[in-house]
C-alpha atoms as a PDB file:
ATOM      1  CA  MET A   1    -139.072-219.330  49.206  1.00  0.00           C
ATOM      2  CA  GLY A   2    -136.547-216.543  49.623  1.00  0.00           C
ATOM      3  CA  PHE A   3    -134.097-214.853  51.969  1.00  0.00           C
ATOM      4  CA  LEU A   4    -133.215-211.551  53.588  1.00  0.00           C
ATOM      5  CA  PHE A   5    -129.640-210.263  53.250  1.00  0.00           C
ATOM      6  CA  ASP A   6    -128.290-207.050  54.741  1.00  0.00           C
ATOM      7  CA  GLY A   7    -131.852-205.925  55.473  1.00  0.00           C
ATOM      8  CA  VAL A   8    -133.047-206.398  51.866  1.00  0.00           C
ATOM      9  CA  SER A   9    -135.386-209.223  50.844  1.00  0.00           C
ATOM     10  CA  SER A  10    -134.843-211.311  47.735  1.00  0.00           C
ATOM     11  CA  ARG A  11    -138.489-210.738  46.821  1.00  0.00           C
ATOM     12  CA  SER A  12    -137.991-206.970  46.709  1.00  0.00           C
ATOM     13  CA  MET A  13    -135.080-207.605  44.334  1.00  0.00           C
ATOM     14  CA  GLY A  14    -137.249-209.775  42.091  1.00  0.00           C
ATOM     15  CA  ILE A  15    -135.324-212.941  42.969  1.00  0.00           C
ATOM     16  CA  LYS A  16    -136.830-216.403  43.421  1.00  0.00           C
ATOM     17  CA  SER A  17    -134.711-218.825  45.433  1.00  0.00           C
ATOM     18  CA  TYR A  18    -134.714-222.034  47.408  1.00  0.00           C
ATOM     19  CA  LEU A  19    -132.293-223.795  49.719  1.00  0.00           C
ATOM     20  CA  ARG A  20    -130.388-226.244  47.549  1.00  0.00           C
ATOM     21  CA  GLN A  21    -128.337-227.985  50.238  1.00  0.00           C
ATOM     22  CA  TRP A  22    -128.267-227.807  54.004  1.00  0.00           C
ATOM     23  CA  GLU A  23    -125.489-228.776  56.367  1.00  0.00           C
ATOM     24  CA  LEU A  24    -127.144-230.513  59.280  1.00  0.00           C
ATOM     25  CA  MET A  25    -123.880-229.807  61.046  1.00  0.00           C
ATOM     26  CA  PRO A  26    -120.944-227.758  59.736  1.00  0.00           C
ATOM     27  CA  GLY A  27    -117.685-229.551  59.068  1.00  0.00           C
ATOM     28  CA  LEU A  28    -116.062-230.805  62.248  1.00  0.00           C
ATOM     29  CA  GLU A  29    -112.438-230.126  63.075  1.00  0.00           C
ATOM     30  CA  ASN A  30    -111.511-233.164  65.154  1.00  0.00           C
ATOM     31  CA  GLN A  31    -108.570-233.552  67.475  1.00  0.00           C
ATOM     32  CA  PHE A  32    -107.307-237.071  68.102  1.00  0.00           C
ATOM     33  CA  LEU A  33    -104.071-238.276  69.641  1.00  0.00           C
ATOM     34  CA  THR A  34    -102.505-241.639  68.904  1.00  0.00           C
ATOM     35  CA  LEU A  35    -100.068-243.188  71.370  1.00  0.00           C
ATOM     36  CA  PRO A  36     -97.360-245.736  70.489  1.00  0.00           C
ATOM     37  CA  GLY A  37     -98.282-249.227  71.612  1.00  0.00           C
ATOM     38  CA  ARG A  38    -101.931-248.350  72.168  1.00  0.00           C
ATOM     39  CA  ASP A  39    -104.827-249.369  69.943  1.00  0.00           C
ATOM     40  CA  GLY A  40    -106.946-246.568  68.568  1.00  0.00           C
ATOM     41  CA  GLY A  41    -106.465-243.093  69.922  1.00  0.00           C
ATOM     42  CA  LEU A  42    -107.568-240.479  72.436  1.00  0.00           C
ATOM     43  CA  ASP A  43    -110.505-238.229  71.602  1.00  0.00           C
ATOM     44  CA  LEU A  44    -109.534-234.631  72.411  1.00  0.00           C
ATOM     45  CA  GLY A  45    -112.827-233.221  71.203  1.00  0.00           C
ATOM     46  CA  SER A  46    -113.837-231.220  68.174  1.00  0.00           C
ATOM     47  CA  THR A  47    -114.796-227.727  67.068  1.00  0.00           C
ATOM     48  CA  LEU A  48    -117.177-226.592  64.366  1.00  0.00           C
ATOM     49  CA  GLY A  49    -115.820-225.325  61.090  1.00  0.00           C
ATOM     50  CA  MET A  50    -117.378-222.569  58.975  1.00  0.00           C
ATOM     51  CA  ARG A  51    -120.871-223.061  57.558  1.00  0.00           C
ATOM     52  CA  THR A  52    -121.615-223.067  53.828  1.00  0.00           C
ATOM     53  CA  ILE A  53    -125.131-222.150  52.662  1.00  0.00           C
ATOM     54  CA  ARG A  54    -126.061-222.860  49.039  1.00  0.00           C
ATOM     55  CA  LEU A  55    -129.109-221.415  47.315  1.00  0.00           C
ATOM     56  CA  GLU A  56    -130.496-221.823  43.829  1.00  0.00           C
ATOM     57  CA  ALA A  57    -131.765-218.472  42.589  1.00  0.00           C
ATOM     58  CA  GLY A  58    -133.084-216.781  39.494  1.00  0.00           C
ATOM     59  CA  PHE A  59    -135.214-213.964  38.170  1.00  0.00           C
ATOM     60  CA  LEU A  60    -138.124-213.661  35.759  1.00  0.00           C
ATOM     61  CA  PRO A  61    -137.722-212.432  32.188  1.00  0.00           C
ATOM     62  CA  GLN A  62    -136.783-208.763  31.880  1.00  0.00           C
ATOM     63  CA  ALA A  63    -138.440-206.389  29.445  1.00  0.00           C
ATOM     64  CA  SER A  64    -135.246-205.397  27.636  1.00  0.00           C
ATOM     65  CA  VAL A  65    -131.486-205.844  27.494  1.00  0.00           C
ATOM     66  CA  SER A  66    -131.149-202.569  29.378  1.00  0.00           C
ATOM     67  CA  ASN A  67    -133.389-203.870  32.177  1.00  0.00           C
ATOM     68  CA  LEU A  68    -131.378-207.084  32.301  1.00  0.00           C
ATOM     69  CA  SER A  69    -128.149-205.119  32.631  1.00  0.00           C
ATOM     70  CA  ASP A  70    -129.635-202.977  35.416  1.00  0.00           C
ATOM     71  CA  LYS A  71    -130.846-206.111  37.209  1.00  0.00           C
ATOM     72  CA  ILE A  72    -127.360-207.655  37.123  1.00  0.00           C
ATOM     73  CA  ASP A  73    -125.731-204.431  38.369  1.00  0.00           C
ATOM     74  CA  THR A  74    -128.218-204.129  41.234  1.00  0.00           C
ATOM     75  CA  LEU A  75    -127.735-207.747  42.297  1.00  0.00           C
ATOM     76  CA  THR A  76    -123.938-207.602  42.290  1.00  0.00           C
ATOM     77  CA  ALA A  77    -123.980-204.391  44.364  1.00  0.00           C
ATOM     78  CA  TRP A  78    -126.423-205.903  46.878  1.00  0.00           C
ATOM     79  CA  LEU A  79    -124.483-209.149  47.266  1.00  0.00           C
ATOM     80  CA  SER A  80    -120.982-207.650  47.119  1.00  0.00           C
ATOM     81  CA  PRO A  81    -118.556-209.431  49.505  1.00  0.00           C
ATOM     82  CA  GLU A  82    -116.829-206.089  50.056  1.00  0.00           C
ATOM     83  CA  LYS A  83    -119.528-205.404  52.662  1.00  0.00           C
ATOM     84  CA  GLY A  84    -118.217-208.229  54.819  1.00  0.00           C
ATOM     85  CA  ALA A  85    -120.473-210.633  56.702  1.00  0.00           C
ATOM     86  CA  LYS A  86    -124.058-209.386  57.042  1.00  0.00           C
ATOM     87  CA  ARG A  87    -127.247-210.804  58.502  1.00  0.00           C
ATOM     88  CA  LEU A  88    -128.723-213.575  56.393  1.00  0.00           C
ATOM     89  CA  VAL A  89    -132.240-214.825  57.201  1.00  0.00           C
ATOM     90  CA  LEU A  90    -133.593-217.812  55.278  1.00  0.00           C
ATOM     91  CA  ASP A  91    -137.333-218.313  54.830  1.00  0.00           C
ATOM     92  CA  GLU A  92    -136.839-221.921  55.947  1.00  0.00           C
ATOM     93  CA  PHE A  93    -135.560-220.628  59.345  1.00  0.00           C
ATOM     94  CA  PRO A  94    -137.402-217.336  59.898  1.00  0.00           C
ATOM     95  CA  ASP A  95    -136.602-216.991  63.616  1.00  0.00           C
ATOM     96  CA  ARG A  96    -132.809-216.828  63.293  1.00  0.00           C
ATOM     97  CA  TYR A  97    -130.006-215.200  61.351  1.00  0.00           C
ATOM     98  CA  PHE A  98    -126.517-216.088  60.187  1.00  0.00           C
ATOM     99  CA  LEU A  99    -123.636-213.675  59.700  1.00  0.00           C
ATOM    100  CA  ALA A 100    -122.458-214.525  56.206  1.00  0.00           C
ATOM    101  CA  ARG A 101    -121.182-213.198  52.913  1.00  0.00           C
ATOM    102  CA  VAL A 102    -120.993-214.449  49.342  1.00  0.00           C
ATOM    103  CA  SER A 103    -117.922-216.652  49.050  1.00  0.00           C
ATOM    104  CA  GLU A 104    -117.917-217.912  45.453  1.00  0.00           C
ATOM    105  CA  ASN A 105    -118.295-216.348  42.030  1.00  0.00           C
ATOM    106  CA  LEU A 106    -121.790-215.721  40.706  1.00  0.00           C
ATOM    107  CA  MET A 107    -122.203-217.356  37.322  1.00  0.00           C
ATOM    108  CA  LEU A 108    -125.387-216.342  35.513  1.00  0.00           C
ATOM    109  CA  THR A 109    -127.002-218.943  33.265  1.00  0.00           C
ATOM    110  CA  ARG A 110    -129.426-217.517  30.736  1.00  0.00           C
ATOM    111  CA  VAL A 111    -132.481-219.736  30.829  1.00  0.00           C
ATOM    112  CA  LEU A 112    -134.153-217.502  28.270  1.00  0.00           C
ATOM    113  CA  ARG A 113    -132.800-214.472  26.468  1.00  0.00           C
ATOM    114  CA  MET A 114    -133.899-212.081  29.267  1.00  0.00           C
ATOM    115  CA  MET A 115    -134.136-214.553  32.143  1.00  0.00           C
ATOM    116  CA  GLY A 116    -131.321-215.951  34.294  1.00  0.00           C
ATOM    117  CA  SER A 117    -130.532-218.367  37.088  1.00  0.00           C
ATOM    118  CA  PHE A 118    -127.481-218.705  39.310  1.00  0.00           C
ATOM    119  CA  GLU A 119    -126.118-220.548  42.310  1.00  0.00           C
ATOM    120  CA  LEU A 120    -125.613-218.407  45.388  1.00  0.00           C
ATOM    121  CA  THR A 121    -123.064-219.594  47.954  1.00  0.00           C
ATOM    122  CA  PHE A 122    -122.793-217.892  51.339  1.00  0.00           C
ATOM    123  CA  LEU A 123    -120.086-218.619  53.886  1.00  0.00           C
ATOM    124  CA  ALA A 124    -120.695-218.004  57.593  1.00  0.00           C
ATOM    125  CA  PRO A 125    -117.350-217.801  59.465  1.00  0.00           C
ATOM    126  CA  ASP A 126    -119.359-218.205  62.669  1.00  0.00           C
ATOM    127  CA  PRO A 127    -121.291-221.445  62.055  1.00  0.00           C
ATOM    128  CA  PHE A 128    -124.049-220.681  64.565  1.00  0.00           C
ATOM    129  CA  ALA A 129    -127.428-219.096  63.823  1.00  0.00           C
ATOM    130  CA  TYR A 130    -128.642-216.504  66.344  1.00  0.00           C
ATOM    131  CA  ALA A 131    -132.158-215.661  67.518  1.00  0.00           C
ATOM    132  CA  LEU A 132    -133.649-212.595  65.849  1.00  0.00           C
ATOM    133  CA  GLU A 133    -135.471-211.864  69.103  1.00  0.00           C
ATOM    134  CA  ASP A 134    -132.969-212.632  71.811  1.00  0.00           C
ATOM    135  CA  GLU A 135    -133.728-213.805  75.332  1.00  0.00           C
ATOM    136  CA  THR A 136    -132.835-211.073  77.835  1.00  0.00           C
ATOM    137  CA  ALA A 137    -133.074-210.148  81.506  1.00  0.00           C
ATOM    138  CA  VAL A 138    -132.305-207.063  83.621  1.00  0.00           C
ATOM    139  CA  TYR A 139    -131.186-207.202  87.275  1.00  0.00           C
ATOM    140  CA  THR A 140    -131.101-204.196  89.602  1.00  0.00           C
ATOM    141  CA  GLU A 141    -130.858-205.924  93.002  1.00  0.00           C
ATOM    142  CA  PRO A 142    -128.458-208.473  94.515  1.00  0.00           C
ATOM    143  CA  GLY A 143    -129.722-212.032  94.792  1.00  0.00           C
ATOM    144  CA  THR A 144    -130.002-215.372  93.040  1.00  0.00           C
ATOM    145  CA  PHE A 145    -132.230-215.698  89.980  1.00  0.00           C
ATOM    146  CA  ARG A 146    -133.284-218.254  87.389  1.00  0.00           C
ATOM    147  CA  PHE A 147    -132.758-217.539  83.731  1.00  0.00           C
ATOM    148  CA  THR A 148    -134.420-219.971  81.328  1.00  0.00           C
ATOM    149  CA  ARG A 149    -133.190-220.345  77.787  1.00  0.00           C
ATOM    150  CA  GLN A 150    -135.853-221.751  75.476  1.00  0.00           C
ATOM    151  CA  LYS A 151    -134.497-220.758  72.065  1.00  0.00           C
ATOM    152  CA  GLY A 152    -131.720-222.579  70.239  1.00  0.00           C
ATOM    153  CA  ASN A 153    -130.122-225.995  70.674  1.00  0.00           C
ATOM    154  CA  SER A 154    -126.640-225.104  71.925  1.00  0.00           C
ATOM    155  CA  SER A 155    -124.965-223.388  74.848  1.00  0.00           C
ATOM    156  CA  SER A 156    -124.401-219.681  74.269  1.00  0.00           C
ATOM    157  CA  SER A 157    -121.940-216.944  75.193  1.00  0.00           C
ATOM    158  CA  PRO A 158    -123.929-213.999  76.569  1.00  0.00           C
ATOM    159  CA  ILE A 159    -123.286-210.276  76.353  1.00  0.00           C
ATOM    160  CA  LEU A 160    -123.451-208.504  79.725  1.00  0.00           C
ATOM    161  CA  ARG A 161    -123.810-204.750  80.193  1.00  0.00           C
ATOM    162  CA  VAL A 162    -123.274-203.132  83.582  1.00  0.00           C
ATOM    163  CA  LYS A 163    -124.277-199.610  84.603  1.00  0.00           C
ATOM    164  CA  ALA A 164    -123.700-198.402  88.166  1.00  0.00           C
ATOM    165  CA  THR A 165    -123.550-195.401  90.476  1.00  0.00           C
ATOM    166  CA  PHE A 166    -121.242-195.248  93.490  1.00  0.00           C
ATOM    167  CA  THR A 167    -119.254-192.889  95.695  1.00  0.00           C
ATOM    168  CA  GLU A 168    -115.877-192.282  94.100  1.00  0.00           C
ATOM    169  CA  SER A 169    -114.077-192.602  97.443  1.00  0.00           C
ATOM    170  CA  ASN A 170    -115.255-196.222  97.596  1.00  0.00           C
ATOM    171  CA  ARG A 171    -113.911-199.057  95.482  1.00  0.00           C
ATOM    172  CA  PRO A 172    -117.012-200.933  94.306  1.00  0.00           C
ATOM    173  CA  ARG A 173    -116.994-204.636  93.611  1.00  0.00           C
ATOM    174  CA  LEU A 174    -119.519-206.769  91.714  1.00  0.00           C
ATOM    175  CA  LEU A 175    -119.559-210.567  91.721  1.00  0.00           C
ATOM    176  CA  LEU A 176    -121.640-212.041  88.905  1.00  0.00           C
ATOM    177  CA  THR A 177    -122.003-215.823  88.864  1.00  0.00           C
ATOM    178  CA  ILE A 178    -123.638-217.689  85.993  1.00  0.00           C
ATOM    179  CA  ASN A 179    -124.049-221.332  86.910  1.00  0.00           C
ATOM    180  CA  HIS A 180    -120.626-222.057  88.431  1.00  0.00           C
ATOM    181  CA  GLU A 181    -118.541-219.410  86.688  1.00  0.00           C
ATOM    182  CA  THR A 182    -117.895-216.184  88.617  1.00  0.00           C
ATOM    183  CA  LEU A 183    -116.927-212.928  86.999  1.00  0.00           C
ATOM    184  CA  VAL A 184    -115.561-210.296  89.405  1.00  0.00           C
ATOM    185  CA  LEU A 185    -115.593-206.585  88.555  1.00  0.00           C
ATOM    186  CA  SER A 186    -113.745-204.097  90.721  1.00  0.00           C
ATOM    187  CA  GLY A 187    -112.404-200.584  90.311  1.00  0.00           C
ATOM    188  CA  ILE A 188    -113.771-197.261  89.164  1.00  0.00           C
ATOM    189  CA  ALA A 189    -115.185-196.677  85.687  1.00  0.00           C
ATOM    190  CA  PRO A 190    -115.912-193.210  84.242  1.00  0.00           C
ATOM    191  CA  SER A 191    -119.180-191.706  85.466  1.00  0.00           C
ATOM    192  CA  GLY A 192    -122.120-192.589  83.222  1.00  0.00           C
ATOM    193  CA  SER A 193    -120.214-195.277  81.318  1.00  0.00           C
ATOM    194  CA  ILE A 194    -121.430-198.759  80.448  1.00  0.00           C
ATOM    195  CA  LEU A 195    -119.213-201.795  80.870  1.00  0.00           C
ATOM    196  CA  GLU A 196    -119.896-204.327  78.097  1.00  0.00           C
ATOM    197  CA  ILE A 197    -118.626-207.876  78.506  1.00  0.00           C
ATOM    198  CA  ASP A 198    -118.885-209.980  75.348  1.00  0.00           C
ATOM    199  CA  CYS A 199    -118.341-213.565  76.498  1.00  0.00           C
ATOM    200  CA  GLY A 200    -118.208-214.876  72.930  1.00  0.00           C
ATOM    201  CA  MET A 201    -115.556-212.463  71.681  1.00  0.00           C
ATOM    202  CA  GLN A 202    -113.953-212.401  75.164  1.00  0.00           C
ATOM    203  CA  THR A 203    -113.734-208.617  75.144  1.00  0.00           C
ATOM    204  CA  VAL A 204    -114.535-205.986  77.775  1.00  0.00           C
ATOM    205  CA  ARG A 205    -115.318-202.494  76.546  1.00  0.00           C
ATOM    206  CA  LEU A 206    -116.222-199.172  78.152  1.00  0.00           C
ATOM    207  CA  LEU A 207    -119.001-197.385  76.275  1.00  0.00           C
ATOM    208  CA  ASN A 208    -120.603-193.995  76.713  1.00  0.00           C
ATOM    209  CA  SER A 209    -124.368-193.476  76.938  1.00  0.00           C
ATOM    210  CA  ARG A 210    -124.570-193.435  73.115  1.00  0.00           C
ATOM    211  CA  GLY A 211    -122.892-196.838  72.858  1.00  0.00           C
ATOM    212  CA  GLU A 212    -119.614-195.422  71.539  1.00  0.00           C
ATOM    213  CA  LEU A 213    -116.322-196.965  72.583  1.00  0.00           C
ATOM    214  CA  ILE A 214    -114.395-194.855  75.115  1.00  0.00           C
ATOM    215  CA  GLY A 215    -111.900-197.324  76.536  1.00  0.00           C
ATOM    216  CA  ASN A 216    -110.735-200.821  77.401  1.00  0.00           C
ATOM    217  CA  GLY A 217    -112.587-202.325  80.337  1.00  0.00           C
ATOM    218  CA  MET A 218    -110.445-205.445  80.751  1.00  0.00           C
ATOM    219  CA  PRO A 219    -108.489-203.950  83.740  1.00  0.00           C
ATOM    220  CA  LEU A 220    -111.770-203.903  85.692  1.00  0.00           C
ATOM    221  CA  LEU A 221    -111.926-207.729  85.604  1.00  0.00           C
ATOM    222  CA  GLU A 222    -110.010-209.389  88.408  1.00  0.00           C
ATOM    223  CA  GLU A 223    -109.664-212.483  86.215  1.00  0.00           C
ATOM    224  CA  PRO A 224    -110.606-213.133  82.561  1.00  0.00           C
ATOM    225  CA  VAL A 225    -113.723-215.257  83.164  1.00  0.00           C
ATOM    226  CA  PHE A 226    -116.395-215.420  80.457  1.00  0.00           C
ATOM    227  CA  PRO A 227    -119.424-217.521  81.517  1.00  0.00           C
ATOM    228  CA  THR A 228    -121.672-219.560  79.230  1.00  0.00           C
ATOM    229  CA  LEU A 229    -125.406-220.169  79.335  1.00  0.00           C
ATOM    230  CA  LEU A 230    -126.888-223.636  78.957  1.00  0.00           C
ATOM    231  CA  MET A 231    -130.155-224.634  77.329  1.00  0.00           C
ATOM    232  CA  GLY A 232    -132.964-224.691  79.872  1.00  0.00           C
ATOM    233  CA  GLU A 233    -132.464-223.541  83.452  1.00  0.00           C
ATOM    234  CA  ASN A 234    -129.508-221.344  84.444  1.00  0.00           C
ATOM    235  CA  THR A 235    -128.685-219.768  87.788  1.00  0.00           C
ATOM    236  CA  VAL A 236    -127.603-216.128  87.941  1.00  0.00           C
ATOM    237  CA  SER A 237    -126.249-214.798  91.234  1.00  0.00           C
ATOM    238  CA  ILE A 238    -125.250-211.176  91.905  1.00  0.00           C
ATOM    239  CA  LYS A 239    -123.391-209.741  94.889  1.00  0.00           C
ATOM    240  CA  ALA A 240    -122.709-206.008  94.983  1.00  0.00           C
ATOM    241  CA  GLU A 241    -120.375-204.194  97.370  1.00  0.00           C
ATOM    242  CA  ARG A 242    -120.281-200.405  97.886  1.00  0.00           C
ATOM    243  CA  PHE A 243    -122.699-199.516  95.073  1.00  0.00           C
ATOM    244  CA  ASP A 244    -125.430-196.883  95.344  1.00  0.00           C
ATOM    245  CA  SER A 245    -127.286-198.589  92.505  1.00  0.00           C
ATOM    246  CA  PHE A 246    -126.538-200.872  89.574  1.00  0.00           C
ATOM    247  CA  GLU A 247    -128.141-202.437  86.518  1.00  0.00           C
ATOM    248  CA  VAL A 248    -126.955-205.637  84.870  1.00  0.00           C
ATOM    249  CA  SER A 249    -128.522-206.493  81.520  1.00  0.00           C
ATOM    250  CA  LEU A 250    -128.052-209.990  80.151  1.00  0.00           C
ATOM    251  CA  HIS A 251    -128.414-210.812  76.462  1.00  0.00           C
ATOM    252  CA  ALA A 252    -128.331-214.572  76.002  1.00  0.00           C
ATOM    253  CA  CYS A 253    -127.184-214.598  72.344  1.00  0.00           C
ATOM    254  CA  SER A 254    -129.324-217.728  71.990  1.00  0.00           C
ATOM    255  CA  ARG A 255    -128.125-219.825  69.096  1.00  0.00           C
ATOM    256  CA  TRP A 256    -128.496-222.962  67.020  1.00  0.00           C
ATOM    257  CA  ARG A 257    -125.653-225.193  65.824  1.00  0.00           C
END
């Protein structure tokens, strides 16, 4: 078995590895409230903590001390935590990725004179795994639609991108409802811009046609509403006022807990 980190496979680096431990569920951060004179307590819910991923890894004997030194230098550069969290794909779960980085020291044990093994610990601040091929939809007409999520095992926070044309003398308004949560956009954005609404990060950005940030789009939201998508069937409803044309793209950000 192996893994892919930051676009580079462990096999191409000459590394053999396997998943040593697996958290069926990341550590829970529980909230309980106890009341005087009452048995037990009140359950206020829980949130997921960060996910730890532990791998056992090693490499085959090297031809010389110089080759061994080069191998160690290459590995430490590839796995450097200075890069920040990068995509991590495990062979055991080939359809999804984590955003993780190395979180503990790498201690090389020399099995033979030119051969080593080590434990590799990744930490994913976001405990969810995300689909490599996301579920998406594009809407260009008002109406009510069904959006079915088949990947993952948890609700997700989608990314929405809105492009539109309109007469500048009008004040366009778009009502986007996902299930029972309605997001209302109103106002005038720069011509040719894209409004990106990241429901997970709860940010609204204005991008140009090249995807570069050009401004804050939060003032275009009447209220800070960030819908979620459920597993299975979801209802998407769009109402558009005073638009010549529009395009709403939905990226589900399908995920596993």
